[in-house]
Protein backbone atom coordinates (compact mmCIF):
# COMPACT_ATOMS: atom_id res chain seq x y z
CA UNK A 1 0.00 0.00 0.00
CA UNK A 2 1.36 3.36 -0.96
CA UNK A 3 -0.77 5.19 1.60
CA UNK A 4 -0.31 4.56 5.31
CA UNK A 5 -1.90 5.65 8.57
CA UNK A 6 -0.95 9.24 9.47
CA UNK A 7 -0.25 10.36 5.88
CA UNK A 8 -1.64 13.69 4.69
CA UNK A 9 -3.68 13.07 1.53
CA UNK A 10 -5.89 14.92 -0.93
CA UNK A 11 -9.12 13.54 -2.43
CA UNK A 12 -8.94 13.34 -6.24
CA UNK A 13 -12.52 12.38 -7.13
CA UNK A 14 -16.05 12.38 -5.77
CA UNK A 15 -18.11 14.75 -3.65
CA UNK A 16 -15.10 15.68 -1.49
CA UNK A 17 -12.73 16.39 -4.41
CA UNK A 18 -9.92 18.75 -3.37
CA UNK A 19 -10.35 18.22 0.38
CA UNK A 20 -7.27 17.34 2.41
CA UNK A 21 -6.96 15.34 5.62
CA UNK A 22 -4.97 12.82 7.59
CA UNK A 23 -5.45 9.08 7.11
CA UNK A 24 -6.93 7.56 10.27
CA UNK A 25 -7.24 3.88 9.27
CA UNK A 26 -6.17 1.83 6.22
CA UNK A 27 -7.83 -1.41 5.10
CA UNK A 28 -5.33 -3.01 2.66
CA UNK A 29 -7.50 -6.06 1.96
CA UNK A 30 -10.32 -3.79 0.72
CA UNK A 31 -8.07 -1.06 -0.80
CA UNK A 32 -9.89 1.54 1.27
CA UNK A 33 -9.00 4.15 3.89
CA UNK A 34 -10.73 6.48 6.36
CA UNK A 35 -9.65 10.11 6.00
CA UNK A 36 -10.31 12.72 8.68
CA UNK A 37 -13.20 15.03 7.72
CA UNK A 38 -13.90 13.28 4.38
CA UNK A 39 -16.89 11.14 3.29
CA UNK A 40 -19.08 12.00 6.29
CA UNK A 41 -22.15 9.76 6.71
CA UNK A 42 -24.99 9.82 9.24
CA UNK A 43 -25.46 6.74 11.41
CA UNK A 44 -28.66 6.15 13.36
CA UNK A 45 -28.06 4.77 16.85
CA UNK A 46 -30.79 2.73 18.55
CA UNK A 47 -31.81 3.68 22.06
CA UNK A 48 -29.79 1.76 24.67
CA UNK A 49 -29.22 1.79 28.42
CA UNK A 50 -26.42 4.35 28.19
CA UNK A 51 -28.18 6.39 25.47
CA UNK A 52 -31.94 6.05 26.20
CA UNK A 53 -33.02 8.61 23.59
CA UNK A 54 -31.05 7.25 20.63
CA UNK A 55 -29.35 9.66 18.23
CA UNK A 56 -27.97 10.35 14.79
CA UNK A 57 -24.17 10.60 14.73
CA UNK A 58 -21.93 11.75 11.89
CA UNK A 59 -18.76 9.78 11.20
CA UNK A 60 -16.23 9.22 8.42
CA UNK A 61 -16.81 6.33 6.02
CA UNK A 62 -14.14 4.59 3.94
CA UNK A 63 -12.97 5.96 0.60
CA UNK A 64 -11.18 4.00 -2.13
CA UNK A 65 -7.38 4.38 -2.23
CA UNK A 66 -7.47 5.22 -5.97
CA UNK A 67 -9.33 8.43 -5.11
CA UNK A 68 -6.52 9.61 -2.80
CA UNK A 69 -3.14 11.18 -3.54
CA UNK A 70 -0.36 11.64 -1.00
CA UNK A 71 0.72 15.26 -0.45
CA UNK A 72 4.33 16.15 -1.22
CA UNK A 73 6.14 17.06 2.05
CA UNK A 74 8.06 19.85 0.28
CA UNK A 75 5.39 21.63 -1.81
CA UNK A 76 2.18 20.36 -0.20
CA UNK A 77 0.75 19.36 -3.59
CA UNK A 78 -0.52 15.88 -4.61
CA UNK A 79 2.19 13.54 -5.87
CA UNK A 80 2.67 9.97 -7.00
CA UNK A 81 4.89 7.61 -5.02
CA UNK A 82 7.88 5.57 -6.08
CA UNK A 83 10.20 3.35 -4.03
CA UNK A 84 13.96 3.25 -3.54
CA UNK A 85 16.19 0.96 -1.50
CA UNK A 86 18.31 2.98 0.94
CA UNK A 87 20.61 1.22 3.43
CA UNK A 88 18.75 -2.05 2.92
CA UNK A 89 15.31 -0.51 3.60
CA UNK A 90 12.51 0.22 1.14
CA UNK A 91 11.75 3.97 1.27
CA UNK A 92 8.78 5.82 -0.25
CA UNK A 93 9.80 8.71 -2.53
CA UNK A 94 7.61 11.61 -3.69
CA UNK A 95 7.85 11.69 -7.50
CA UNK A 96 7.28 15.48 -7.70
CA UNK A 97 10.17 16.54 -5.44
CA UNK A 98 12.25 13.36 -5.14
CA UNK A 99 12.13 13.60 -1.35
CA UNK A 100 11.72 10.65 1.01
CA UNK A 101 8.44 10.46 2.86
C-alpha atoms as a PDB file:
ATOM      1  CA  UNK A   1       0.000   0.000   0.000  1.00  0.00           C
ATOM      2  CA  UNK A   2       1.355   3.363  -0.963  1.00  0.00           C
ATOM      3  CA  UNK A   3      -0.774   5.194   1.599  1.00  0.00           C
ATOM      4  CA  UNK A   4      -0.311   4.557   5.311  1.00  0.00           C
ATOM      5  CA  UNK A   5      -1.902   5.653   8.572  1.00  0.00           C
ATOM      6  CA  UNK A   6      -0.955   9.240   9.471  1.00  0.00           C
ATOM      7  CA  UNK A   7      -0.246  10.359   5.881  1.00  0.00           C
ATOM      8  CA  UNK A   8      -1.636  13.689   4.686  1.00  0.00           C
ATOM      9  CA  UNK A   9      -3.683  13.073   1.526  1.00  0.00           C
ATOM     10  CA  UNK A  10      -5.895  14.918  -0.932  1.00  0.00           C
ATOM     11  CA  UNK A  11      -9.115  13.543  -2.434  1.00  0.00           C
ATOM     12  CA  UNK A  12      -8.942  13.344  -6.242  1.00  0.00           C
ATOM     13  CA  UNK A  13     -12.521  12.379  -7.129  1.00  0.00           C
ATOM     14  CA  UNK A  14     -16.051  12.382  -5.765  1.00  0.00           C
ATOM     15  CA  UNK A  15     -18.115  14.753  -3.650  1.00  0.00           C
ATOM     16  CA  UNK A  16     -15.104  15.675  -1.485  1.00  0.00           C
ATOM     17  CA  UNK A  17     -12.728  16.389  -4.406  1.00  0.00           C
ATOM     18  CA  UNK A  18      -9.923  18.754  -3.371  1.00  0.00           C
ATOM     19  CA  UNK A  19     -10.346  18.219   0.383  1.00  0.00           C
ATOM     20  CA  UNK A  20      -7.270  17.338   2.415  1.00  0.00           C
ATOM     21  CA  UNK A  21      -6.960  15.339   5.619  1.00  0.00           C
ATOM     22  CA  UNK A  22      -4.966  12.815   7.588  1.00  0.00           C
ATOM     23  CA  UNK A  23      -5.448   9.080   7.108  1.00  0.00           C
ATOM     24  CA  UNK A  24      -6.929   7.562  10.270  1.00  0.00           C
ATOM     25  CA  UNK A  25      -7.238   3.876   9.272  1.00  0.00           C
ATOM     26  CA  UNK A  26      -6.174   1.834   6.220  1.00  0.00           C
ATOM     27  CA  UNK A  27      -7.831  -1.409   5.101  1.00  0.00           C
ATOM     28  CA  UNK A  28      -5.327  -3.009   2.660  1.00  0.00           C
ATOM     29  CA  UNK A  29      -7.497  -6.063   1.965  1.00  0.00           C
ATOM     30  CA  UNK A  30     -10.322  -3.791   0.717  1.00  0.00           C
ATOM     31  CA  UNK A  31      -8.067  -1.061  -0.800  1.00  0.00           C
ATOM     32  CA  UNK A  32      -9.886   1.543   1.267  1.00  0.00           C
ATOM     33  CA  UNK A  33      -8.997   4.154   3.894  1.00  0.00           C
ATOM     34  CA  UNK A  34     -10.726   6.475   6.356  1.00  0.00           C
ATOM     35  CA  UNK A  35      -9.647  10.108   6.005  1.00  0.00           C
ATOM     36  CA  UNK A  36     -10.307  12.719   8.684  1.00  0.00           C
ATOM     37  CA  UNK A  37     -13.202  15.026   7.718  1.00  0.00           C
ATOM     38  CA  UNK A  38     -13.901  13.277   4.384  1.00  0.00           C
ATOM     39  CA  UNK A  39     -16.887  11.140   3.285  1.00  0.00           C
ATOM     40  CA  UNK A  40     -19.079  11.999   6.287  1.00  0.00           C
ATOM     41  CA  UNK A  41     -22.153   9.763   6.710  1.00  0.00           C
ATOM     42  CA  UNK A  42     -24.988   9.815   9.238  1.00  0.00           C
ATOM     43  CA  UNK A  43     -25.463   6.739  11.409  1.00  0.00           C
ATOM     44  CA  UNK A  44     -28.662   6.154  13.358  1.00  0.00           C
ATOM     45  CA  UNK A  45     -28.057   4.766  16.854  1.00  0.00           C
ATOM     46  CA  UNK A  46     -30.791   2.732  18.546  1.00  0.00           C
ATOM     47  CA  UNK A  47     -31.806   3.676  22.064  1.00  0.00           C
ATOM     48  CA  UNK A  48     -29.790   1.764  24.668  1.00  0.00           C
ATOM     49  CA  UNK A  49     -29.220   1.787  28.420  1.00  0.00           C
ATOM     50  CA  UNK A  50     -26.419   4.354  28.188  1.00  0.00           C
ATOM     51  CA  UNK A  51     -28.183   6.390  25.466  1.00  0.00           C
ATOM     52  CA  UNK A  52     -31.936   6.054  26.201  1.00  0.00           C
ATOM     53  CA  UNK A  53     -33.023   8.605  23.588  1.00  0.00           C
ATOM     54  CA  UNK A  54     -31.048   7.248  20.627  1.00  0.00           C
ATOM     55  CA  UNK A  55     -29.351   9.656  18.234  1.00  0.00           C
ATOM     56  CA  UNK A  56     -27.968  10.353  14.789  1.00  0.00           C
ATOM     57  CA  UNK A  57     -24.166  10.600  14.729  1.00  0.00           C
ATOM     58  CA  UNK A  58     -21.927  11.747  11.892  1.00  0.00           C
ATOM     59  CA  UNK A  59     -18.760   9.785  11.200  1.00  0.00           C
ATOM     60  CA  UNK A  60     -16.225   9.224   8.422  1.00  0.00           C
ATOM     61  CA  UNK A  61     -16.808   6.334   6.018  1.00  0.00           C
ATOM     62  CA  UNK A  62     -14.144   4.591   3.942  1.00  0.00           C
ATOM     63  CA  UNK A  63     -12.968   5.962   0.598  1.00  0.00           C
ATOM     64  CA  UNK A  64     -11.178   4.002  -2.127  1.00  0.00           C
ATOM     65  CA  UNK A  65      -7.378   4.381  -2.231  1.00  0.00           C
ATOM     66  CA  UNK A  66      -7.471   5.216  -5.970  1.00  0.00           C
ATOM     67  CA  UNK A  67      -9.326   8.435  -5.108  1.00  0.00           C
ATOM     68  CA  UNK A  68      -6.524   9.615  -2.799  1.00  0.00           C
ATOM     69  CA  UNK A  69      -3.140  11.181  -3.536  1.00  0.00           C
ATOM     70  CA  UNK A  70      -0.358  11.644  -1.002  1.00  0.00           C
ATOM     71  CA  UNK A  71       0.722  15.259  -0.446  1.00  0.00           C
ATOM     72  CA  UNK A  72       4.334  16.153  -1.217  1.00  0.00           C
ATOM     73  CA  UNK A  73       6.136  17.056   2.048  1.00  0.00           C
ATOM     74  CA  UNK A  74       8.059  19.847   0.281  1.00  0.00           C
ATOM     75  CA  UNK A  75       5.394  21.627  -1.806  1.00  0.00           C
ATOM     76  CA  UNK A  76       2.176  20.365  -0.197  1.00  0.00           C
ATOM     77  CA  UNK A  77       0.749  19.361  -3.590  1.00  0.00           C
ATOM     78  CA  UNK A  78      -0.516  15.884  -4.609  1.00  0.00           C
ATOM     79  CA  UNK A  79       2.186  13.535  -5.871  1.00  0.00           C
ATOM     80  CA  UNK A  80       2.667   9.970  -7.000  1.00  0.00           C
ATOM     81  CA  UNK A  81       4.886   7.609  -5.023  1.00  0.00           C
ATOM     82  CA  UNK A  82       7.883   5.567  -6.077  1.00  0.00           C
ATOM     83  CA  UNK A  83      10.195   3.350  -4.033  1.00  0.00           C
ATOM     84  CA  UNK A  84      13.961   3.251  -3.545  1.00  0.00           C
ATOM     85  CA  UNK A  85      16.189   0.960  -1.495  1.00  0.00           C
ATOM     86  CA  UNK A  86      18.307   2.976   0.945  1.00  0.00           C
ATOM     87  CA  UNK A  87      20.615   1.216   3.428  1.00  0.00           C
ATOM     88  CA  UNK A  88      18.752  -2.050   2.923  1.00  0.00           C
ATOM     89  CA  UNK A  89      15.310  -0.513   3.598  1.00  0.00           C
ATOM     90  CA  UNK A  90      12.509   0.222   1.143  1.00  0.00           C
ATOM     91  CA  UNK A  91      11.750   3.967   1.267  1.00  0.00           C
ATOM     92  CA  UNK A  92       8.779   5.824  -0.252  1.00  0.00           C
ATOM     93  CA  UNK A  93       9.801   8.706  -2.530  1.00  0.00           C
ATOM     94  CA  UNK A  94       7.607  11.615  -3.688  1.00  0.00           C
ATOM     95  CA  UNK A  95       7.853  11.688  -7.498  1.00  0.00           C
ATOM     96  CA  UNK A  96       7.279  15.479  -7.698  1.00  0.00           C
ATOM     97  CA  UNK A  97      10.166  16.542  -5.443  1.00  0.00           C
ATOM     98  CA  UNK A  98      12.253  13.359  -5.140  1.00  0.00           C
ATOM     99  CA  UNK A  99      12.135  13.595  -1.348  1.00  0.00           C
ATOM    100  CA  UNK A 100      11.721  10.647   1.013  1.00  0.00           C
ATOM    101  CA  UNK A 101       8.444  10.458   2.863  1.00  0.00           C
END
